[in-house]
Amino acid sequence: SARIVDAAIVRTWPGSELSPADVYDHLAEQWAVEHPAQS
């Protein structure tokens, strides 16, 4: 019993010096470790 009122993919946070790439950088590292030979 829930309703989605909005959904968004956030690539930048306006007014912030940080970006999702800065905050979630460990996820890119995780990908690289789990897929060493893949782009």
Full PDB file with SEQRES, HELIX, SHEET, SSBOND, CRYST1, ORIGX, SCALE, CONECT and MASTER records, all heavy atoms in Angstrom:
SEQRES   1 A   39  SER ALA ARG ILE VAL ASP ALA ALA ILE VAL ARG THR TRP          
SEQRES   2 A   39  PRO GLY SER GLU LEU SER PRO ALA ASP VAL TYR ASP HIS          
SEQRES   3 A   39  LEU ALA GLU GLN TRP ALA VAL GLU HIS PRO ALA GLN SER          
HELIX    1 AA1 PRO A   20  VAL A   23  1                                   4    
HELIX    2 AA2 ASP A   25  GLU A   34  1                                  10    
CRYST1    1.000    1.000    1.000  90.00  90.00  90.00 P 1           1          
ORIGX1      1.000000  0.000000  0.000000        0.00000                         
ORIGX2      0.000000  1.000000  0.000000        0.00000                         
ORIGX3      0.000000  0.000000  1.000000        0.00000                         
SCALE1      1.000000  0.000000  0.000000        0.00000                         
SCALE2      0.000000  1.000000  0.000000        0.00000                         
SCALE3      0.000000  0.000000  1.000000        0.00000                         
ATOM      1  N   SER A   1       0.852  -1.201   0.000  1.00  0.00           N  
ATOM      2  CA  SER A   1       0.000   0.000   0.000  1.00  0.00           C  
ATOM      3  C   SER A   1       0.883   1.245   0.000  1.00  0.00           C  
ATOM      4  O   SER A   1       1.036   1.922   1.010  1.00  0.00           O  
ATOM      5  CB  SER A   1      -0.923  -0.010   1.208  1.00  0.00           C  
ATOM      6  OG  SER A   1      -0.162  -0.075   2.401  1.00  0.00           O  
ATOM      7  N   ALA A   2       1.482   1.509  -1.150  1.00  0.00           N  
ATOM      8  CA  ALA A   2       2.354   2.673  -1.316  1.00  0.00           C  
ATOM      9  C   ALA A   2       2.157   3.198  -2.733  1.00  0.00           C  
ATOM     10  O   ALA A   2       1.667   2.492  -3.612  1.00  0.00           O  
ATOM     11  CB  ALA A   2       3.810   2.296  -1.087  1.00  0.00           C  
ATOM     12  N   ARG A   3       2.569   4.439  -2.934  1.00  0.00           N  
ATOM     13  CA  ARG A   3       2.439   5.044  -4.248  1.00  0.00           C  
ATOM     14  C   ARG A   3       3.709   5.838  -4.541  1.00  0.00           C  
ATOM     15  O   ARG A   3       4.168   6.618  -3.718  1.00  0.00           O  
ATOM     16  CB  ARG A   3       1.228   5.975  -4.253  1.00  0.00           C  
ATOM     17  CG  ARG A   3       0.946   6.644  -5.567  1.00  0.00           C  
ATOM     18  CD  ARG A   3      -0.382   7.402  -5.532  1.00  0.00           C  
ATOM     19  NE  ARG A   3      -0.567   8.240  -4.370  1.00  0.00           N  
ATOM     20  CZ  ARG A   3      -0.259   9.530  -4.294  1.00  0.00           C  
ATOM     21  NH1 ARG A   3       0.283  10.136  -5.342  1.00  0.00           N  
ATOM     22  NH2 ARG A   3      -0.478  10.220  -3.199  1.00  0.00           N  
ATOM     23  N   ILE A   4       4.279   5.625  -5.727  1.00  0.00           N  
ATOM     24  CA  ILE A   4       5.441   6.406  -6.155  1.00  0.00           C  
ATOM     25  C   ILE A   4       4.929   7.753  -6.664  1.00  0.00           C  
ATOM     26  O   ILE A   4       4.066   7.799  -7.539  1.00  0.00           O  
ATOM     27  CB  ILE A   4       6.225   5.690  -7.267  1.00  0.00           C  
ATOM     28  CG1 ILE A   4       6.811   4.379  -6.742  1.00  0.00           C  
ATOM     29  CG2 ILE A   4       7.326   6.591  -7.821  1.00  0.00           C  
ATOM     30  CD1 ILE A   4       7.502   3.530  -7.793  1.00  0.00           C  
ATOM     31  N   VAL A   5       5.460   8.846  -6.090  1.00  0.00           N  
ATOM     32  CA  VAL A   5       5.061  10.175  -6.559  1.00  0.00           C  
ATOM     33  C   VAL A   5       6.135  10.810  -7.426  1.00  0.00           C  
ATOM     34  O   VAL A   5       5.849  11.728  -8.190  1.00  0.00           O  
ATOM     35  CB  VAL A   5       4.679  11.116  -5.383  1.00  0.00           C  
ATOM     36  CG1 VAL A   5       3.404  10.631  -4.717  1.00  0.00           C  
ATOM     37  CG2 VAL A   5       5.797  11.254  -4.387  1.00  0.00           C  
ATOM     38  N   ASP A   6       7.355  10.326  -7.321  1.00  0.00           N  
ATOM     39  CA  ASP A   6       8.439  10.862  -8.136  1.00  0.00           C  
ATOM     40  C   ASP A   6       9.622   9.900  -8.050  1.00  0.00           C  
ATOM     41  O   ASP A   6       9.872   9.297  -7.018  1.00  0.00           O  
ATOM     42  CB  ASP A   6       8.867  12.244  -7.613  1.00  0.00           C  
ATOM     43  CG  ASP A   6       9.957  12.872  -8.470  1.00  0.00           C  
ATOM     44  OD1 ASP A   6       9.837  12.849  -9.707  1.00  0.00           O  
ATOM     45  OD2 ASP A   6      10.933  13.375  -7.897  1.00  0.00           O  
ATOM     46  N   ALA A   7      10.328   9.755  -9.153  1.00  0.00           N  
ATOM     47  CA  ALA A   7      11.555   8.961  -9.184  1.00  0.00           C  
ATOM     48  C   ALA A   7      12.546   9.687 -10.076  1.00  0.00           C  
ATOM     49  O   ALA A   7      12.172  10.212 -11.126  1.00  0.00           O  
ATOM     50  CB  ALA A   7      11.287   7.558  -9.712  1.00  0.00           C  
ATOM     51  N   ALA A   8      13.788   9.738  -9.641  1.00  0.00           N  
ATOM     52  CA  ALA A   8      14.802  10.461 -10.416  1.00  0.00           C  
ATOM     53  C   ALA A   8      16.157   9.791 -10.285  1.00  0.00           C  
ATOM     54  O   ALA A   8      16.493   9.249  -9.227  1.00  0.00           O  
ATOM     55  CB  ALA A   8      14.896  11.907  -9.936  1.00  0.00           C  
ATOM     56  N   ILE A   9      16.911   9.857 -11.357  1.00  0.00           N  
ATOM     57  CA  ILE A   9      18.313   9.450 -11.356  1.00  0.00           C  
ATOM     58  C   ILE A   9      19.109  10.733 -11.168  1.00  0.00           C  
ATOM     59  O   ILE A   9      19.034  11.641 -11.990  1.00  0.00           O  
ATOM     60  CB  ILE A   9      18.717   8.778 -12.685  1.00  0.00           C  
ATOM     61  CG1 ILE A   9      17.823   7.574 -13.000  1.00  0.00           C  
ATOM     62  CG2 ILE A   9      20.195   8.404 -12.659  1.00  0.00           C  
ATOM     63  CD1 ILE A   9      17.885   6.452 -12.008  1.00  0.00           C  
ATOM     64  N   VAL A  10      19.857  10.813 -10.072  1.00  0.00           N  
ATOM     65  CA  VAL A  10      20.606  12.025  -9.742  1.00  0.00           C  
ATOM     66  C   VAL A  10      22.069  11.834 -10.134  1.00  0.00           C  
ATOM     67  O   VAL A  10      22.730  10.922  -9.649  1.00  0.00           O  
ATOM     68  CB  VAL A  10      20.473  12.354  -8.237  1.00  0.00           C  
ATOM     69  CG1 VAL A  10      21.249  13.609  -7.892  1.00  0.00           C  
ATOM     70  CG2 VAL A  10      19.011  12.492  -7.841  1.00  0.00           C  
ATOM     71  N   ARG A  11      22.543  12.701 -11.011  1.00  0.00           N  
ATOM     72  CA  ARG A  11      23.932  12.644 -11.469  1.00  0.00           C  
ATOM     73  C   ARG A  11      24.764  13.761 -10.855  1.00  0.00           C  
ATOM     74  O   ARG A  11      25.976  13.680 -10.822  1.00  0.00           O  
ATOM     75  CB  ARG A  11      23.972  12.693 -12.987  1.00  0.00           C  
ATOM     76  CG  ARG A  11      23.429  11.414 -13.613  1.00  0.00           C  
ATOM     77  CD  ARG A  11      23.438  11.457 -15.137  1.00  0.00           C  
ATOM     78  NE  ARG A  11      23.223  10.151 -15.716  1.00  0.00           N  
ATOM     79  CZ  ARG A  11      22.036   9.600 -15.915  1.00  0.00           C  
ATOM     80  NH1 ARG A  11      20.948  10.242 -15.583  1.00  0.00           N  
ATOM     81  NH2 ARG A  11      21.935   8.388 -16.458  1.00  0.00           N  
ATOM     82  N   THR A  12      24.110  14.819 -10.415  1.00  0.00           N  
ATOM     83  CA  THR A  12      24.791  15.921  -9.723  1.00  0.00           C  
ATOM     84  C   THR A  12      23.879  16.431  -8.612  1.00  0.00           C  
ATOM     85  O   THR A  12      22.651  16.334  -8.715  1.00  0.00           O  
ATOM     86  CB  THR A  12      25.095  17.107 -10.670  1.00  0.00           C  
ATOM     87  OG1 THR A  12      23.869  17.609 -11.187  1.00  0.00           O  
ATOM     88  CG2 THR A  12      26.025  16.700 -11.792  1.00  0.00           C  
ATOM     89  N   TRP A  13      24.480  16.954  -7.577  1.00  0.00           N  
ATOM     90  CA  TRP A  13      23.731  17.567  -6.492  1.00  0.00           C  
ATOM     91  C   TRP A  13      23.960  19.070  -6.572  1.00  0.00           C  
ATOM     92  O   TRP A  13      25.044  19.556  -6.225  1.00  0.00           O  
ATOM     93  CB  TRP A  13      24.177  17.034  -5.135  1.00  0.00           C  
ATOM     94  CG  TRP A  13      23.831  15.601  -4.919  1.00  0.00           C  
ATOM     95  CD1 TRP A  13      22.631  15.009  -5.141  1.00  0.00           C  
ATOM     96  CD2 TRP A  13      24.688  14.569  -4.422  1.00  0.00           C  
ATOM     97  NE1 TRP A  13      22.680  13.670  -4.823  1.00  0.00           N  
ATOM     98  CE2 TRP A  13      23.944  13.379  -4.371  1.00  0.00           C  
ATOM     99  CE3 TRP A  13      26.016  14.541  -4.014  1.00  0.00           C  
ATOM    100  CZ2 TRP A  13      24.472  12.182  -3.930  1.00  0.00           C  
ATOM    101  CZ3 TRP A  13      26.544  13.343  -3.570  1.00  0.00           C  
ATOM    102  CH2 TRP A  13      25.773  12.181  -3.526  1.00  0.00           C  
ATOM    103  N   PRO A  14      22.978  19.823  -7.041  1.00  0.00           N  
ATOM    104  CA  PRO A  14      23.154  21.268  -7.161  1.00  0.00           C  
ATOM    105  C   PRO A  14      23.551  21.901  -5.826  1.00  0.00           C  
ATOM    106  O   PRO A  14      23.018  21.543  -4.776  1.00  0.00           O  
ATOM    107  CB  PRO A  14      21.775  21.771  -7.607  1.00  0.00           C  
ATOM    108  CG  PRO A  14      21.129  20.575  -8.225  1.00  0.00           C  
ATOM    109  CD  PRO A  14      21.660  19.385  -7.470  1.00  0.00           C  
ATOM    110  N   GLY A  15      24.511  22.809  -5.892  1.00  0.00           N  
ATOM    111  CA  GLY A  15      24.946  23.512  -4.694  1.00  0.00           C  
ATOM    112  C   GLY A  15      25.896  22.723  -3.810  1.00  0.00           C  
ATOM    113  O   GLY A  15      26.261  23.169  -2.729  1.00  0.00           O  
ATOM    114  N   SER A  16      26.306  21.548  -4.250  1.00  0.00           N  
ATOM    115  CA  SER A  16      27.216  20.723  -3.465  1.00  0.00           C  
ATOM    116  C   SER A  16      28.530  20.560  -4.209  1.00  0.00           C  
ATOM    117  O   SER A  16      28.560  20.476  -5.433  1.00  0.00           O  
ATOM    118  CB  SER A  16      26.606  19.346  -3.213  1.00  0.00           C  
ATOM    119  OG  SER A  16      27.536  18.507  -2.559  1.00  0.00           O  
ATOM    120  N   GLU A  17      29.600  20.516  -3.451  1.00  0.00           N  
ATOM    121  CA  GLU A  17      30.902  20.272  -4.066  1.00  0.00           C  
ATOM    122  C   GLU A  17      31.102  18.797  -4.385  1.00  0.00           C  
ATOM    123  O   GLU A  17      31.974  18.439  -5.163  1.00  0.00           O  
ATOM    124  CB  GLU A  17      32.011  20.767  -3.134  1.00  0.00           C  
ATOM    125  CG  GLU A  17      32.009  22.270  -2.956  1.00  0.00           C  
ATOM    126  CD  GLU A  17      33.134  22.748  -2.061  1.00  0.00           C  
ATOM    127  OE1 GLU A  17      34.117  22.008  -1.882  1.00  0.00           O  
ATOM    128  OE2 GLU A  17      33.015  23.863  -1.550  1.00  0.00           O  
ATOM    129  N   LEU A  18      30.287  17.941  -3.770  1.00  0.00           N  
ATOM    130  CA  LEU A  18      30.380  16.506  -4.011  1.00  0.00           C  
ATOM    131  C   LEU A  18      29.383  16.089  -5.077  1.00  0.00           C  
ATOM    132  O   LEU A  18      28.353  16.719  -5.276  1.00  0.00           O  
ATOM    133  CB  LEU A  18      30.081  15.736  -2.726  1.00  0.00           C  
ATOM    134  CG  LEU A  18      31.071  15.909  -1.583  1.00  0.00           C  
ATOM    135  CD1 LEU A  18      30.581  15.169  -0.352  1.00  0.00           C  
ATOM    136  CD2 LEU A  18      32.444  15.402  -1.988  1.00  0.00           C  
ATOM    137  N   SER A  19      29.699  14.995  -5.739  1.00  0.00           N  
ATOM    138  CA  SER A  19      28.791  14.406  -6.721  1.00  0.00           C  
ATOM    139  C   SER A  19      28.569  12.945  -6.331  1.00  0.00           C  
ATOM    140  O   SER A  19      29.305  12.404  -5.503  1.00  0.00           O  
ATOM    141  CB  SER A  19      29.412  14.483  -8.113  1.00  0.00           C  
ATOM    142  OG  SER A  19      30.499  13.577  -8.198  1.00  0.00           O  
ATOM    143  N   PRO A  20      27.579  12.291  -6.930  1.00  0.00           N  
ATOM    144  CA  PRO A  20      27.425  10.865  -6.663  1.00  0.00           C  
ATOM    145  C   PRO A  20      28.705  10.077  -6.957  1.00  0.00           C  
ATOM    146  O   PRO A  20      29.014   9.115  -6.263  1.00  0.00           O  
ATOM    147  CB  PRO A  20      26.274  10.454  -7.589  1.00  0.00           C  
ATOM    148  CG  PRO A  20      25.451  11.690  -7.703  1.00  0.00           C  
ATOM    149  CD  PRO A  20      26.469  12.809  -7.741  1.00  0.00           C  
ATOM    150  N   ALA A  21      29.471  10.497  -7.959  1.00  0.00           N  
ATOM    151  CA  ALA A  21      30.731   9.810  -8.273  1.00  0.00           C  
ATOM    152  C   ALA A  21      31.709   9.909  -7.108  1.00  0.00           C  
ATOM    153  O   ALA A  21      32.479   8.984  -6.855  1.00  0.00           O  
ATOM    154  CB  ALA A  21      31.341  10.382  -9.539  1.00  0.00           C  
ATOM    155  N   ASP A  22      31.695  11.037  -6.383  1.00  0.00           N  
ATOM    156  CA  ASP A  22      32.571  11.201  -5.222  1.00  0.00           C  
ATOM    157  C   ASP A  22      32.097  10.336  -4.051  1.00  0.00           C  
ATOM    158  O   ASP A  22      32.894   9.671  -3.395  1.00  0.00           O  
ATOM    159  CB  ASP A  22      32.601  12.665  -4.759  1.00  0.00           C  
ATOM    160  CG  ASP A  22      33.173  13.599  -5.807  1.00  0.00           C  
ATOM    161  OD1 ASP A  22      34.130  13.201  -6.501  1.00  0.00           O  
ATOM    162  OD2 ASP A  22      32.651  14.721  -5.923  1.00  0.00           O  
ATOM    163  N   VAL A  23      30.805  10.363  -3.804  1.00  0.00           N  
ATOM    164  CA  VAL A  23      30.244   9.667  -2.645  1.00  0.00           C  
ATOM    165  C   VAL A  23      30.230   8.154  -2.842  1.00  0.00           C  
ATOM    166  O   VAL A  23      30.493   7.396  -1.915  1.00  0.00           O  
ATOM    167  CB  VAL A  23      28.827  10.189  -2.343  1.00  0.00           C  
ATOM    168  CG1 VAL A  23      28.163   9.396  -1.238  1.00  0.00           C  
ATOM    169  CG2 VAL A  23      28.885  11.671  -1.980  1.00  0.00           C  
ATOM    170  N   TYR A  24      29.930   7.729  -4.059  1.00  0.00           N  
ATOM    171  CA  TYR A  24      29.812   6.298  -4.329  1.00  0.00           C  
ATOM    172  C   TYR A  24      31.002   5.764  -5.126  1.00  0.00           C  
ATOM    173  O   TYR A  24      30.877   4.793  -5.870  1.00  0.00           O  
ATOM    174  CB  TYR A  24      28.504   6.014  -5.077  1.00  0.00           C  
ATOM    175  CG  TYR A  24      27.281   6.451  -4.308  1.00  0.00           C  
ATOM    176  CD1 TYR A  24      26.453   7.459  -4.788  1.00  0.00           C  
ATOM    177  CD2 TYR A  24      26.945   5.860  -3.103  1.00  0.00           C  
ATOM    178  CE1 TYR A  24      25.317   7.861  -4.087  1.00  0.00           C  
ATOM    179  CE2 TYR A  24      25.825   6.250  -2.391  1.00  0.00           C  
ATOM    180  CZ  TYR A  24      25.011   7.261  -2.888  1.00  0.00           C  
ATOM    181  OH  TYR A  24      23.897   7.647  -2.188  1.00  0.00           O  
ATOM    182  N   ASP A  25      32.171   6.356  -4.969  1.00  0.00           N  
ATOM    183  CA  ASP A  25      33.351   5.924  -5.726  1.00  0.00           C  
ATOM    184  C   ASP A  25      33.727   4.475  -5.446  1.00  0.00           C  
ATOM    185  O   ASP A  25      34.280   3.794  -6.297  1.00  0.00           O  
ATOM    186  CB  ASP A  25      34.532   6.855  -5.485  1.00  0.00           C  
ATOM    187  CG  ASP A  25      34.999   6.891  -4.043  1.00  0.00           C  
ATOM    188  OD1 ASP A  25      34.202   6.535  -3.138  1.00  0.00           O  
ATOM    189  OD2 ASP A  25      36.146   7.281  -3.803  1.00  0.00           O  
ATOM    190  N   HIS A  26      33.386   3.980  -4.259  1.00  0.00           N  
ATOM    191  CA  HIS A  26      33.704   2.586  -3.931  1.00  0.00           C  
ATOM    192  C   HIS A  26      32.937   1.599  -4.808  1.00  0.00           C  
ATOM    193  O   HIS A  26      33.371   0.464  -4.999  1.00  0.00           O  
ATOM    194  CB  HIS A  26      33.416   2.317  -2.446  1.00  0.00           C  
ATOM    195  CG  HIS A  26      31.977   2.494  -2.063  1.00  0.00           C  
ATOM    196  ND1 HIS A  26      31.385   3.731  -1.912  1.00  0.00           N  
ATOM    197  CD2 HIS A  26      31.013   1.575  -1.816  1.00  0.00           C  
ATOM    198  CE1 HIS A  26      30.120   3.575  -1.580  1.00  0.00           C  
ATOM    199  NE2 HIS A  26      29.870   2.281  -1.516  1.00  0.00           N  
ATOM    200  N   LEU A  27      31.820   2.029  -5.386  1.00  0.00           N  
ATOM    201  CA  LEU A  27      31.059   1.134  -6.256  1.00  0.00           C  
ATOM    202  C   LEU A  27      31.789   0.892  -7.572  1.00  0.00           C  
ATOM    203  O   LEU A  27      31.782  -0.224  -8.087  1.00  0.00           O  
ATOM    204  CB  LEU A  27      29.658   1.695  -6.506  1.00  0.00           C  
ATOM    205  CG  LEU A  27      28.791   1.871  -5.253  1.00  0.00           C  
ATOM    206  CD1 LEU A  27      27.457   2.502  -5.619  1.00  0.00           C  
ATOM    207  CD2 LEU A  27      28.610   0.568  -4.509  1.00  0.00           C  
ATOM    208  N   ALA A  28      32.440   1.914  -8.100  1.00  0.00           N  
ATOM    209  CA  ALA A  28      33.248   1.749  -9.324  1.00  0.00           C  
ATOM    210  C   ALA A  28      34.430   0.831  -9.023  1.00  0.00           C  
ATOM    211  O   ALA A  28      34.801  -0.013  -9.847  1.00  0.00           O  
ATOM    212  CB  ALA A  28      33.723   3.102  -9.838  1.00  0.00           C  
ATOM    213  N   GLU A  29      35.015   0.989  -7.841  1.00  0.00           N  
ATOM    214  CA  GLU A  29      36.124   0.118  -7.448  1.00  0.00           C  
ATOM    215  C   GLU A  29      35.644  -1.321  -7.299  1.00  0.00           C  
ATOM    216  O   GLU A  29      36.338  -2.258  -7.686  1.00  0.00           O  
ATOM    217  CB  GLU A  29      36.740   0.612  -6.137  1.00  0.00           C  
ATOM    218  CG  GLU A  29      37.447   1.943  -6.277  1.00  0.00           C  
ATOM    219  CD  GLU A  29      37.870   2.530  -4.937  1.00  0.00           C  
ATOM    220  OE1 GLU A  29      37.917   1.796  -3.926  1.00  0.00           O  
ATOM    221  OE2 GLU A  29      38.155   3.740  -4.905  1.00  0.00           O  
ATOM    222  N   GLN A  30      34.449  -1.503  -6.740  1.00  0.00           N  
ATOM    223  CA  GLN A  30      33.882  -2.846  -6.598  1.00  0.00           C  
ATOM    224  C   GLN A  30      33.716  -3.486  -7.973  1.00  0.00           C  
ATOM    225  O   GLN A  30      34.072  -4.646  -8.168  1.00  0.00           O  
ATOM    226  CB  GLN A  30      32.530  -2.780  -5.886  1.00  0.00           C  
ATOM    227  CG  GLN A  30      31.842  -4.130  -5.769  1.00  0.00           C  
ATOM    228  CD  GLN A  30      30.463  -4.033  -5.142  1.00  0.00           C  
ATOM    229  OE1 GLN A  30      30.131  -3.050  -4.487  1.00  0.00           O  
ATOM    230  NE2 GLN A  30      29.654  -5.053  -5.349  1.00  0.00           N  
ATOM    231  N   TRP A  31      33.194  -2.719  -8.922  1.00  0.00           N  
ATOM    232  CA  TRP A  31      33.024  -3.246 -10.292  1.00  0.00           C  
ATOM    233  C   TRP A  31      34.374  -3.689 -10.850  1.00  0.00           C  
ATOM    234  O   TRP A  31      34.498  -4.773 -11.418  1.00  0.00           O  
ATOM    235  CB  TRP A  31      32.393  -2.198 -11.200  1.00  0.00           C  
ATOM    236  CG  TRP A  31      32.359  -2.659 -12.623  1.00  0.00           C  
ATOM    237  CD1 TRP A  31      33.290  -2.419 -13.587  1.00  0.00           C  
ATOM    238  CD2 TRP A  31      31.386  -3.503 -13.229  1.00  0.00           C  
ATOM    239  NE1 TRP A  31      32.949  -3.030 -14.754  1.00  0.00           N  
ATOM    240  CE2 TRP A  31      31.785  -3.715 -14.567  1.00  0.00           C  
ATOM    241  CE3 TRP A  31      30.208  -4.096 -12.782  1.00  0.00           C  
ATOM    242  CZ2 TRP A  31      31.040  -4.489 -15.451  1.00  0.00           C  
ATOM    243  CZ3 TRP A  31      29.475  -4.867 -13.663  1.00  0.00           C  
ATOM    244  CH2 TRP A  31      29.891  -5.062 -14.983  1.00  0.00           C  
ATOM    245  N   ALA A  32      35.389  -2.862 -10.694  1.00  0.00           N  
ATOM    246  CA  ALA A  32      36.713  -3.167 -11.241  1.00  0.00           C  
ATOM    247  C   ALA A  32      37.288  -4.435 -10.634  1.00  0.00           C  
ATOM    248  O   ALA A  32      37.900  -5.246 -11.332  1.00  0.00           O  
ATOM    249  CB  ALA A  32      37.649  -1.984 -11.022  1.00  0.00           C  
ATOM    250  N   VAL A  33      37.087  -4.639  -9.350  1.00  0.00           N  
ATOM    251  CA  VAL A  33      37.597  -5.837  -8.677  1.00  0.00           C  
ATOM    252  C   VAL A  33      36.832  -7.077  -9.135  1.00  0.00           C  
ATOM    253  O   VAL A  33      37.423  -8.130  -9.380  1.00  0.00           O  
ATOM    254  CB  VAL A  33      37.515  -5.682  -7.139  1.00  0.00           C  
ATOM    255  CG1 VAL A  33      37.746  -6.995  -6.425  1.00  0.00           C  
ATOM    256  CG2 VAL A  33      38.508  -4.627  -6.666  1.00  0.00           C  
ATOM    257  N   GLU A  34      35.520  -6.952  -9.255  1.00  0.00           N  
ATOM    258  CA  GLU A  34      34.691  -8.106  -9.614  1.00  0.00           C  
ATOM    259  C   GLU A  34      34.753  -8.452 -11.104  1.00  0.00           C  
ATOM    260  O   GLU A  34      34.438  -9.561 -11.496  1.00  0.00           O  
ATOM    261  CB  GLU A  34      33.235  -7.851  -9.211  1.00  0.00           C  
ATOM    262  CG  GLU A  34      33.049  -7.819  -7.704  1.00  0.00           C  
ATOM    263  CD  GLU A  34      31.633  -7.494  -7.280  1.00  0.00           C  
ATOM    264  OE1 GLU A  34      30.804  -7.065  -8.136  1.00  0.00           O  
ATOM    265  OE2 GLU A  34      31.338  -7.652  -6.087  1.00  0.00           O  
ATOM    266  N   HIS A  35      35.158  -7.491 -11.934  1.00  0.00           N  
ATOM    267  CA  HIS A  35      35.215  -7.691 -13.389  1.00  0.00           C  
ATOM    268  C   HIS A  35      36.564  -7.191 -13.925  1.00  0.00           C  
ATOM    269  O   HIS A  35      36.610  -6.248 -14.715  1.00  0.00           O  
ATOM    270  CB  HIS A  35      34.070  -6.934 -14.070  1.00  0.00           C  
ATOM    271  CG  HIS A  35      32.725  -7.315 -13.569  1.00  0.00           C  
ATOM    272  ND1 HIS A  35      32.136  -6.723 -12.475  1.00  0.00           N  
ATOM    273  CD2 HIS A  35      31.860  -8.260 -13.998  1.00  0.00           C  
ATOM    274  CE1 HIS A  35      30.958  -7.268 -12.264  1.00  0.00           C  
ATOM    275  NE2 HIS A  35      30.767  -8.206 -13.168  1.00  0.00           N  
ATOM    276  N   PRO A  36      37.665  -7.821 -13.517  1.00  0.00           N  
ATOM    277  CA  PRO A  36      38.993  -7.277 -13.828  1.00  0.00           C  
ATOM    278  C   PRO A  36      39.323  -7.170 -15.313  1.00  0.00           C  
ATOM    279  O   PRO A  36      40.076  -6.298 -15.709  1.00  0.00           O  
ATOM    280  CB  PRO A  36      39.943  -8.243 -13.119  1.00  0.00           C  
ATOM    281  CG  PRO A  36      39.172  -9.498 -12.935  1.00  0.00           C  
ATOM    282  CD  PRO A  36      37.741  -9.079 -12.798  1.00  0.00           C  
ATOM    283  N   ALA A  37      38.746  -7.986 -16.134  1.00  0.00           N  
ATOM    284  CA  ALA A  37      39.097  -7.952 -17.553  1.00  0.00           C  
ATOM    285  C   ALA A  37      38.052  -7.241 -18.402  1.00  0.00           C  
ATOM    286  O   ALA A  37      38.159  -7.217 -19.624  1.00  0.00           O  
ATOM    287  CB  ALA A  37      39.283  -9.381 -18.070  1.00  0.00           C  
ATOM    288  N   GLN A  38      37.032  -6.657 -17.755  1.00  0.00           N  
ATOM    289  CA  GLN A  38      35.952  -6.029 -18.509  1.00  0.00           C  
ATOM    290  C   GLN A  38      35.989  -4.512 -18.390  1.00  0.00           C  
ATOM    291  O   GLN A  38      36.337  -3.966 -17.348  1.00  0.00           O  
ATOM    292  CB  GLN A  38      34.591  -6.510 -17.999  1.00  0.00           C  
ATOM    293  CG  GLN A  38      34.288  -7.949 -18.331  1.00  0.00           C  
ATOM    294  CD  GLN A  38      32.905  -8.332 -17.841  1.00  0.00           C  
ATOM    295  OE1 GLN A  38      32.435  -7.848 -16.832  1.00  0.00           O  
ATOM    296  NE2 GLN A  38      32.259  -9.218 -18.578  1.00  0.00           N  
ATOM    297  N   SER A  39      35.585  -3.881 -19.459  1.00  0.00           N  
ATOM    298  CA  SER A  39      35.421  -2.430 -19.442  1.00  0.00           C  
ATOM    299  C   SER A  39      34.132  -2.099 -18.690  1.00  0.00           C  
ATOM    300  O   SER A  39      33.160  -2.849 -18.749  1.00  0.00           O  
ATOM    301  CB  SER A  39      35.313  -1.911 -20.876  1.00  0.00           C  
ATOM    302  OG  SER A  39      34.803  -0.602 -20.882  1.00  0.00           O  
TER     303      SER A  39                                                      
MASTER        0    0    0    2    0    0    0    6  302    1    0    3          
END                                                                             
